[in-house]
């Protein structure tokens, strides 16, 4: 019986780790990059320092 409980803890820990990694990757993908941003549009060129 204790072996089954250890496997259950291992599976739950792995799922928590995977969800954490996916959340961090989503955060990094949505985060705006640091530095200089140059936009070219109908109003002309806009330069913004981030």
PDB file of N, CA and C in Angstrom:
ATOM      1  N   UNK A   1       0.806  -1.207   0.000  1.00  0.00           N
ATOM      2  CA  UNK A   1       0.000   0.000   0.000  1.00  0.00           C
ATOM      3  C   UNK A   1       0.850   1.274   0.000  1.00  0.00           C
ATOM      4  N   UNK A   2       1.951   1.354   0.764  1.00  0.00           N
ATOM      5  CA  UNK A   2       2.764   2.573   0.755  1.00  0.00           C
ATOM      6  C   UNK A   2       3.386   2.856  -0.615  1.00  0.00           C
ATOM      7  N   UNK A   3       3.672   1.819  -1.380  1.00  0.00           N
ATOM      8  CA  UNK A   3       4.254   2.027  -2.711  1.00  0.00           C
ATOM      9  C   UNK A   3       3.251   2.739  -3.615  1.00  0.00           C
ATOM     10  N   UNK A   4       1.970   2.381  -3.517  1.00  0.00           N
ATOM     11  CA  UNK A   4       0.954   3.053  -4.322  1.00  0.00           C
ATOM     12  C   UNK A   4       0.840   4.523  -3.942  1.00  0.00           C
ATOM     13  N   UNK A   5       0.950   4.815  -2.656  1.00  0.00           N
ATOM     14  CA  UNK A   5       0.854   6.203  -2.196  1.00  0.00           C
ATOM     15  C   UNK A   5       2.049   7.011  -2.705  1.00  0.00           C
ATOM     16  N   UNK A   6       3.247   6.404  -2.710  1.00  0.00           N
ATOM     17  CA  UNK A   6       4.429   7.094  -3.213  1.00  0.00           C
ATOM     18  C   UNK A   6       4.296   7.389  -4.699  1.00  0.00           C
ATOM     19  N   UNK A   7       3.756   6.453  -5.449  1.00  0.00           N
ATOM     20  CA  UNK A   7       3.559   6.669  -6.888  1.00  0.00           C
ATOM     21  C   UNK A   7       2.541   7.781  -7.113  1.00  0.00           C
ATOM     22  N   UNK A   8       1.502   7.820  -6.301  1.00  0.00           N
ATOM     23  CA  UNK A   8       0.499   8.876  -6.416  1.00  0.00           C
ATOM     24  C   UNK A   8       1.131  10.240  -6.144  1.00  0.00           C
ATOM     25  N   UNK A   9       1.961  10.352  -5.113  1.00  0.00           N
ATOM     26  CA  UNK A   9       2.649  11.607  -4.816  1.00  0.00           C
ATOM     27  C   UNK A   9       3.581  12.007  -5.953  1.00  0.00           C
ATOM     28  N   UNK A  10       4.237  11.046  -6.535  1.00  0.00           N
ATOM     29  CA  UNK A  10       5.147  11.310  -7.651  1.00  0.00           C
ATOM     30  C   UNK A  10       4.379  11.836  -8.857  1.00  0.00           C
ATOM     31  N   UNK A  11       3.250  11.233  -9.178  1.00  0.00           N
ATOM     32  CA  UNK A  11       2.432  11.674 -10.310  1.00  0.00           C
ATOM     33  C   UNK A  11       1.894  13.083 -10.060  1.00  0.00           C
ATOM     34  N   UNK A  12       1.389  13.340  -8.864  1.00  0.00           N
ATOM     35  CA  UNK A  12       0.863  14.673  -8.542  1.00  0.00           C
ATOM     36  C   UNK A  12       1.979  15.713  -8.596  1.00  0.00           C
ATOM     37  N   UNK A  13       3.134  15.406  -8.089  1.00  0.00           N
ATOM     38  CA  UNK A  13       4.280  16.324  -8.143  1.00  0.00           C
ATOM     39  C   UNK A  13       4.701  16.609  -9.580  1.00  0.00           C
ATOM     40  N   UNK A  14       4.693  15.583 -10.416  1.00  0.00           N
ATOM     41  CA  UNK A  14       5.031  15.778 -11.824  1.00  0.00           C
ATOM     42  C   UNK A  14       4.022  16.665 -12.532  1.00  0.00           C
ATOM     43  N   UNK A  15       2.745  16.477 -12.239  1.00  0.00           N
ATOM     44  CA  UNK A  15       1.712  17.322 -12.850  1.00  0.00           C
ATOM     45  C   UNK A  15       1.843  18.773 -12.404  1.00  0.00           C
ATOM     46  N   UNK A  16       2.128  18.989 -11.119  1.00  0.00           N
ATOM     47  CA  UNK A  16       2.324  20.349 -10.622  1.00  0.00           C
ATOM     48  C   UNK A  16       3.523  20.992 -11.307  1.00  0.00           C
ATOM     49  N   UNK A  17       4.589  20.256 -11.474  1.00  0.00           N
ATOM     50  CA  UNK A  17       5.777  20.766 -12.155  1.00  0.00           C
ATOM     51  C   UNK A  17       5.474  21.125 -13.607  1.00  0.00           C
ATOM     52  N   UNK A  18       4.749  20.280 -14.313  1.00  0.00           N
ATOM     53  CA  UNK A  18       4.407  20.538 -15.713  1.00  0.00           C
ATOM     54  C   UNK A  18       3.521  21.775 -15.839  1.00  0.00           C
ATOM     55  N   UNK A  19       2.535  21.911 -14.959  1.00  0.00           N
ATOM     56  CA  UNK A  19       1.656  23.089 -14.995  1.00  0.00           C
ATOM     57  C   UNK A  19       2.463  24.353 -14.709  1.00  0.00           C
ATOM     58  N   UNK A  20       3.387  24.288 -13.779  1.00  0.00           N
ATOM     59  CA  UNK A  20       4.246  25.437 -13.479  1.00  0.00           C
ATOM     60  C   UNK A  20       5.107  25.822 -14.664  1.00  0.00           C
ATOM     61  N   UNK A  21       5.683  24.852 -15.328  1.00  0.00           N
ATOM     62  CA  UNK A  21       6.522  25.132 -16.496  1.00  0.00           C
ATOM     63  C   UNK A  21       5.702  25.730 -17.633  1.00  0.00           C
ATOM     64  N   UNK A  22       4.506  25.200 -17.874  1.00  0.00           N
ATOM     65  CA  UNK A  22       3.655  25.742 -18.935  1.00  0.00           C
ATOM     66  C   UNK A  22       3.216  27.174 -18.614  1.00  0.00           C
ATOM     67  N   UNK A  23       2.911  27.439 -17.364  1.00  0.00           N
ATOM     68  CA  UNK A  23       2.545  28.794 -16.959  1.00  0.00           C
ATOM     69  C   UNK A  23       3.689  29.771 -17.149  1.00  0.00           C
ATOM     70  N   UNK A  24       4.899  29.370 -16.805  1.00  0.00           N
ATOM     71  CA  UNK A  24       6.067  30.233 -16.983  1.00  0.00           C
ATOM     72  C   UNK A  24       6.330  30.493 -18.456  1.00  0.00           C
ATOM     73  N   UNK A  25       6.206  29.465 -19.291  1.00  0.00           N
ATOM     74  CA  UNK A  25       6.409  29.649 -20.733  1.00  0.00           C
ATOM     75  C   UNK A  25       5.361  30.584 -21.314  1.00  0.00           C
ATOM     76  N   UNK A  26       4.125  30.485 -20.866  1.00  0.00           N
ATOM     77  CA  UNK A  26       3.074  31.390 -21.334  1.00  0.00           C
ATOM     78  C   UNK A  26       3.370  32.817 -20.893  1.00  0.00           C
ATOM     79  N   UNK A  27       3.846  32.997 -19.665  1.00  0.00           N
ATOM     80  CA  UNK A  27       4.212  34.320 -19.170  1.00  0.00           C
ATOM     81  C   UNK A  27       5.329  34.916 -20.014  1.00  0.00           C
ATOM     82  N   UNK A  28       6.341  34.145 -20.331  1.00  0.00           N
ATOM     83  CA  UNK A  28       7.458  34.635 -21.136  1.00  0.00           C
ATOM     84  C   UNK A  28       7.007  34.997 -22.547  1.00  0.00           C
ATOM     85  N   UNK A  29       6.074  34.253 -23.102  1.00  0.00           N
ATOM     86  CA  UNK A  29       5.594  34.524 -24.454  1.00  0.00           C
ATOM     87  C   UNK A  29       4.766  35.807 -24.501  1.00  0.00           C
ATOM     88  N   UNK A  30       4.020  36.101 -23.450  1.00  0.00           N
ATOM     89  CA  UNK A  30       3.156  37.280 -23.421  1.00  0.00           C
ATOM     90  C   UNK A  30       3.893  38.544 -22.985  1.00  0.00           C
ATOM     91  N   UNK A  31       5.027  38.402 -22.316  1.00  0.00           N
ATOM     92  CA  UNK A  31       5.764  39.548 -21.788  1.00  0.00           C
ATOM     93  C   UNK A  31       6.360  40.354 -22.939  1.00  0.00           C
ATOM     94  N   UNK A  32       6.257  41.675 -22.856  1.00  0.00           N
ATOM     95  CA  UNK A  32       6.836  42.526 -23.893  1.00  0.00           C
ATOM     96  C   UNK A  32       8.348  42.559 -23.717  1.00  0.00           C
ATOM     97  N   UNK A  33       9.070  42.564 -24.809  1.00  0.00           N
ATOM     98  CA  UNK A  33      10.529  42.565 -24.711  1.00  0.00           C
ATOM     99  C   UNK A  33      11.061  43.906 -24.199  1.00  0.00           C
ATOM    100  N   UNK A  34      12.205  43.853 -23.528  1.00  0.00           N
ATOM    101  CA  UNK A  34      12.865  45.069 -23.068  1.00  0.00           C
ATOM    102  C   UNK A  34      13.648  45.683 -24.222  1.00  0.00           C
ATOM    103  N   UNK A  35      13.862  46.991 -24.143  1.00  0.00           N
ATOM    104  CA  UNK A  35      14.691  47.641 -25.139  1.00  0.00           C
ATOM    105  C   UNK A  35      13.917  48.664 -25.944  1.00  0.00           C
ATOM    106  N   UNK A  36      14.300  48.834 -27.173  1.00  0.00           N
ATOM    107  CA  UNK A  36      13.745  49.831 -28.068  1.00  0.00           C
ATOM    108  C   UNK A  36      12.718  49.193 -28.991  1.00  0.00           C
ATOM    109  N   UNK A  37      11.586  49.862 -29.167  1.00  0.00           N
ATOM    110  CA  UNK A  37      10.540  49.356 -30.057  1.00  0.00           C
ATOM    111  C   UNK A  37      10.284  50.391 -31.146  1.00  0.00           C
ATOM    112  N   UNK A  38      10.325  49.958 -32.395  1.00  0.00           N
ATOM    113  CA  UNK A  38      10.097  50.842 -33.539  1.00  0.00           C
ATOM    114  C   UNK A  38       8.858  50.355 -34.273  1.00  0.00           C
ATOM    115  N   UNK A  39       7.855  51.240 -34.390  1.00  0.00           N
ATOM    116  CA  UNK A  39       6.616  50.914 -35.087  1.00  0.00           C
ATOM    117  C   UNK A  39       6.486  51.796 -36.324  1.00  0.00           C
ATOM    118  N   UNK A  40       6.163  51.180 -37.452  1.00  0.00           N
ATOM    119  CA  UNK A  40       5.925  51.918 -38.686  1.00  0.00           C
ATOM    120  C   UNK A  40       4.472  51.702 -39.065  1.00  0.00           C
ATOM    121  N   UNK A  41       3.717  52.793 -39.156  1.00  0.00           N
ATOM    122  CA  UNK A  41       2.304  52.686 -39.466  1.00  0.00           C
ATOM    123  C   UNK A  41       1.846  53.862 -40.305  1.00  0.00           C
ATOM    124  N   UNK A  42       0.547  54.012 -40.453  1.00  0.00           N
ATOM    125  CA  UNK A  42       0.013  55.097 -41.281  1.00  0.00           C
ATOM    126  C   UNK A  42       0.331  56.485 -40.713  1.00  0.00           C
ATOM    127  N   UNK A  43       0.583  56.562 -39.404  1.00  0.00           N
ATOM    128  CA  UNK A  43       0.915  57.857 -38.798  1.00  0.00           C
ATOM    129  C   UNK A  43       2.402  58.165 -38.851  1.00  0.00           C
ATOM    130  N   UNK A  44       3.178  57.297 -39.409  1.00  0.00           N
ATOM    131  CA  UNK A  44       4.618  57.507 -39.507  1.00  0.00           C
ATOM    132  C   UNK A  44       5.370  56.525 -38.622  1.00  0.00           C
ATOM    133  N   UNK A  45       6.595  56.924 -38.297  1.00  0.00           N
ATOM    134  CA  UNK A  45       7.479  56.071 -37.498  1.00  0.00           C
ATOM    135  C   UNK A  45       7.379  56.500 -36.037  1.00  0.00           C
ATOM    136  N   UNK A  46       7.187  55.528 -35.143  1.00  0.00           N
ATOM    137  CA  UNK A  46       7.159  55.793 -33.705  1.00  0.00           C
ATOM    138  C   UNK A  46       8.242  54.974 -33.039  1.00  0.00           C
ATOM    139  N   UNK A  47       9.043  55.630 -32.215  1.00  0.00           N
ATOM    140  CA  UNK A  47      10.116  54.958 -31.485  1.00  0.00           C
ATOM    141  C   UNK A  47       9.812  55.083 -30.000  1.00  0.00           C
ATOM    142  N   UNK A  48       9.764  53.948 -29.309  1.00  0.00           N
ATOM    143  CA  UNK A  48       9.466  53.934 -27.884  1.00  0.00           C
ATOM    144  C   UNK A  48      10.582  53.195 -27.152  1.00  0.00           C
ATOM    145  N   UNK A  49      10.989  53.754 -26.019  1.00  0.00           N
ATOM    146  CA  UNK A  49      11.972  53.091 -25.177  1.00  0.00           C
ATOM    147  C   UNK A  49      11.225  52.312 -24.110  1.00  0.00           C
ATOM    148  N   UNK A  50      11.442  51.029 -24.008  1.00  0.00           N
ATOM    149  CA  UNK A  50      10.737  50.181 -23.035  1.00  0.00           C
ATOM    150  C   UNK A  50      11.576  49.981 -21.821  1.00  0.00           C
TER     151      UNK A  50
END
